[in-house]
Amino acid sequence: MPKREKRVIATSLRLAIIAGACRIGRALQLAYLGGPNYTKDVVSIIIWHAVEFCSTMVCIGIPICRPLTETG
């Protein structure tokens, strides 16, 4: 496998690690759901979920778009 392809896949795996860290951050925010203001407490969980979802989608998209960037 050429070095360029290895770098692309390694970058994708690094983003997967970031997505995993976001998943842990979201799980840690679950402890704050017992408060009196449920609407305010759930906002941080939604933000962590959105960041995790976006980083996962980028992580998936990098290897899929790789053939489009190849030059000959």
N, C-alpha and C. Protein backbone atom coordinates (compact mmCIF):
# COMPACT_ATOMS: atom_id res chain seq x y z
N MET A 1 0.85 -1.17 0.00
CA MET A 1 0.00 0.00 0.00
C MET A 1 0.90 1.24 0.00
N PRO A 2 0.64 2.20 -0.87
CA PRO A 2 1.45 3.42 -0.91
C PRO A 2 1.34 4.23 0.38
N LYS A 3 2.38 5.01 0.63
CA LYS A 3 2.42 5.81 1.87
C LYS A 3 1.28 6.81 1.93
N ARG A 4 0.88 7.33 0.79
CA ARG A 4 -0.20 8.33 0.79
C ARG A 4 -1.51 7.71 1.28
N GLU A 5 -1.80 6.52 0.84
CA GLU A 5 -3.02 5.83 1.28
C GLU A 5 -2.94 5.51 2.77
N LYS A 6 -1.76 5.13 3.23
CA LYS A 6 -1.59 4.85 4.65
C LYS A 6 -1.85 6.09 5.49
N ARG A 7 -1.38 7.25 5.01
CA ARG A 7 -1.61 8.51 5.75
C ARG A 7 -3.08 8.87 5.79
N VAL A 8 -3.78 8.65 4.69
CA VAL A 8 -5.21 8.97 4.64
C VAL A 8 -5.98 8.09 5.62
N ILE A 9 -5.68 6.82 5.64
CA ILE A 9 -6.37 5.91 6.56
C ILE A 9 -5.99 6.21 8.01
N ALA A 10 -4.74 6.56 8.25
CA ALA A 10 -4.33 6.92 9.61
C ALA A 10 -5.05 8.18 10.09
N THR A 11 -5.24 9.14 9.20
CA THR A 11 -5.98 10.35 9.57
C THR A 11 -7.42 10.01 9.91
N SER A 12 -8.00 9.12 9.15
CA SER A 12 -9.37 8.70 9.43
C SER A 12 -9.46 8.02 10.79
N LEU A 13 -8.50 7.20 11.12
CA LEU A 13 -8.51 6.53 12.42
C LEU A 13 -8.29 7.51 13.57
N ARG A 14 -7.51 8.55 13.33
CA ARG A 14 -7.33 9.57 14.37
C ARG A 14 -8.65 10.29 14.65
N LEU A 15 -9.40 10.56 13.60
CA LEU A 15 -10.71 11.19 13.80
C LEU A 15 -11.66 10.25 14.53
N ALA A 16 -11.50 8.96 14.34
CA ALA A 16 -12.32 8.00 15.08
C ALA A 16 -12.01 8.05 16.57
N ILE A 17 -10.76 8.31 16.91
CA ILE A 17 -10.39 8.47 18.32
C ILE A 17 -11.06 9.71 18.89
N ILE A 18 -11.11 10.78 18.12
CA ILE A 18 -11.80 11.99 18.57
C ILE A 18 -13.28 11.72 18.78
N ALA A 19 -13.89 10.96 17.89
CA ALA A 19 -15.30 10.60 18.05
C ALA A 19 -15.50 9.78 19.32
N GLY A 20 -14.58 8.90 19.62
CA GLY A 20 -14.67 8.13 20.86
C GLY A 20 -14.55 9.01 22.09
N ALA A 21 -13.69 10.01 22.03
CA ALA A 21 -13.55 10.94 23.15
C ALA A 21 -14.83 11.75 23.33
N CYS A 22 -15.47 12.11 22.24
CA CYS A 22 -16.76 12.82 22.34
C CYS A 22 -17.82 11.94 22.95
N ARG A 23 -17.78 10.66 22.65
CA ARG A 23 -18.73 9.71 23.23
C ARG A 23 -18.54 9.65 24.74
N ILE A 24 -17.29 9.67 25.20
CA ILE A 24 -17.02 9.66 26.63
C ILE A 24 -17.51 10.95 27.27
N GLY A 25 -17.28 12.08 26.59
CA GLY A 25 -17.76 13.36 27.11
C GLY A 25 -19.27 13.39 27.24
N ARG A 26 -19.95 12.82 26.28
CA ARG A 26 -21.41 12.76 26.34
C ARG A 26 -21.86 11.88 27.50
N ALA A 27 -21.18 10.77 27.71
CA ALA A 27 -21.55 9.88 28.81
C ALA A 27 -21.33 10.56 30.17
N LEU A 28 -20.30 11.37 30.27
CA LEU A 28 -20.05 12.07 31.53
C LEU A 28 -21.11 13.13 31.81
N GLN A 29 -21.71 13.68 30.78
CA GLN A 29 -22.75 14.70 30.97
C GLN A 29 -24.07 14.10 31.43
N LEU A 30 -24.24 12.80 31.33
CA LEU A 30 -25.48 12.17 31.76
C LEU A 30 -25.71 12.30 33.26
N ALA A 31 -24.65 12.50 34.02
CA ALA A 31 -24.78 12.65 35.47
C ALA A 31 -25.54 13.92 35.85
N TYR A 32 -25.58 14.91 34.96
CA TYR A 32 -26.22 16.20 35.27
C TYR A 32 -27.69 16.25 34.87
N LEU A 33 -28.28 15.15 34.45
CA LEU A 33 -29.67 15.16 34.00
C LEU A 33 -30.68 15.22 35.13
N GLY A 34 -30.27 14.99 36.35
CA GLY A 34 -31.22 14.95 37.46
C GLY A 34 -31.59 16.31 38.00
N GLY A 35 -31.14 17.39 37.40
CA GLY A 35 -31.41 18.73 37.91
C GLY A 35 -32.84 19.17 37.66
N PRO A 36 -33.22 20.29 38.25
CA PRO A 36 -34.60 20.77 38.10
C PRO A 36 -34.91 21.33 36.71
N ASN A 37 -33.89 21.82 36.00
CA ASN A 37 -34.10 22.40 34.68
C ASN A 37 -33.64 21.41 33.62
N TYR A 38 -34.53 20.53 33.21
CA TYR A 38 -34.18 19.46 32.27
C TYR A 38 -33.78 20.02 30.91
N THR A 39 -34.45 21.07 30.46
CA THR A 39 -34.15 21.63 29.14
C THR A 39 -32.72 22.15 29.07
N LYS A 40 -32.28 22.82 30.11
CA LYS A 40 -30.92 23.35 30.13
C LYS A 40 -29.89 22.22 30.26
N ASP A 41 -30.22 21.20 31.02
CA ASP A 41 -29.27 20.10 31.25
C ASP A 41 -29.04 19.26 30.00
N VAL A 42 -30.04 19.13 29.16
CA VAL A 42 -29.93 18.26 28.00
C VAL A 42 -29.17 18.93 26.84
N VAL A 43 -28.97 20.23 26.89
CA VAL A 43 -28.29 20.94 25.80
C VAL A 43 -26.86 20.45 25.62
N SER A 44 -26.13 20.26 26.70
CA SER A 44 -24.74 19.81 26.57
C SER A 44 -24.67 18.40 25.99
N ILE A 45 -25.64 17.57 26.32
CA ILE A 45 -25.66 16.21 25.76
C ILE A 45 -25.92 16.27 24.26
N ILE A 46 -26.80 17.15 23.84
CA ILE A 46 -27.09 17.29 22.42
C ILE A 46 -25.87 17.81 21.67
N ILE A 47 -25.16 18.75 22.26
CA ILE A 47 -23.95 19.28 21.62
C ILE A 47 -22.88 18.20 21.48
N TRP A 48 -22.65 17.43 22.54
CA TRP A 48 -21.67 16.35 22.47
C TRP A 48 -22.07 15.32 21.42
N HIS A 49 -23.36 15.03 21.34
CA HIS A 49 -23.83 14.07 20.35
C HIS A 49 -23.60 14.60 18.93
N ALA A 50 -23.85 15.88 18.71
CA ALA A 50 -23.65 16.46 17.38
C ALA A 50 -22.18 16.44 16.98
N VAL A 51 -21.30 16.74 17.92
CA VAL A 51 -19.86 16.72 17.62
C VAL A 51 -19.41 15.30 17.31
N GLU A 52 -19.90 14.35 18.08
CA GLU A 52 -19.54 12.95 17.82
C GLU A 52 -20.04 12.50 16.46
N PHE A 53 -21.27 12.84 16.14
CA PHE A 53 -21.86 12.44 14.86
C PHE A 53 -21.10 13.05 13.69
N CYS A 54 -20.79 14.34 13.78
CA CYS A 54 -20.07 15.01 12.69
C CYS A 54 -18.66 14.44 12.50
N SER A 55 -17.95 14.23 13.60
CA SER A 55 -16.60 13.67 13.46
C SER A 55 -16.65 12.24 12.91
N THR A 56 -17.67 11.47 13.26
CA THR A 56 -17.83 10.14 12.70
C THR A 56 -18.11 10.19 11.21
N MET A 57 -18.95 11.12 10.78
CA MET A 57 -19.26 11.24 9.36
C MET A 57 -18.03 11.66 8.55
N VAL A 58 -17.22 12.54 9.10
CA VAL A 58 -15.98 12.93 8.41
C VAL A 58 -15.03 11.74 8.36
N CYS A 59 -14.97 11.00 9.46
CA CYS A 59 -14.10 9.83 9.52
C CYS A 59 -14.51 8.79 8.48
N ILE A 60 -15.79 8.62 8.28
CA ILE A 60 -16.27 7.67 7.27
C ILE A 60 -16.04 8.21 5.86
N GLY A 61 -16.19 9.51 5.68
CA GLY A 61 -16.11 10.11 4.36
C GLY A 61 -14.71 10.18 3.78
N ILE A 62 -13.70 10.23 4.62
CA ILE A 62 -12.33 10.35 4.12
C ILE A 62 -11.93 9.16 3.25
N PRO A 63 -12.06 7.92 3.72
CA PRO A 63 -11.66 6.81 2.84
C PRO A 63 -12.56 6.64 1.62
N ILE A 64 -13.83 7.01 1.75
CA ILE A 64 -14.74 6.87 0.62
C ILE A 64 -14.39 7.85 -0.49
N CYS A 65 -13.98 9.06 -0.14
CA CYS A 65 -13.64 10.07 -1.14
C CYS A 65 -12.22 9.95 -1.66
N ARG A 66 -11.46 9.02 -1.12
CA ARG A 66 -10.07 8.87 -1.53
C ARG A 66 -9.90 8.61 -3.02
N PRO A 67 -10.71 7.77 -3.67
CA PRO A 67 -10.52 7.55 -5.11
C PRO A 67 -10.75 8.82 -5.94
N LEU A 68 -11.51 9.77 -5.42
CA LEU A 68 -11.75 11.00 -6.18
C LEU A 68 -10.51 11.90 -6.21
N THR A 69 -9.61 11.73 -5.24
CA THR A 69 -8.43 12.58 -5.17
C THR A 69 -7.21 11.98 -5.84
N GLU A 70 -7.30 10.73 -6.25
CA GLU A 70 -6.15 10.07 -6.87
C GLU A 70 -5.91 10.66 -8.25
N THR A 71 -4.64 10.88 -8.56
CA THR A 71 -4.27 11.46 -9.86
C THR A 71 -3.46 10.41 -10.64
N GLY A 72 -4.16 9.63 -11.40
CA GLY A 72 -3.53 8.68 -12.30
C GLY A 72 -2.90 7.57 -11.63
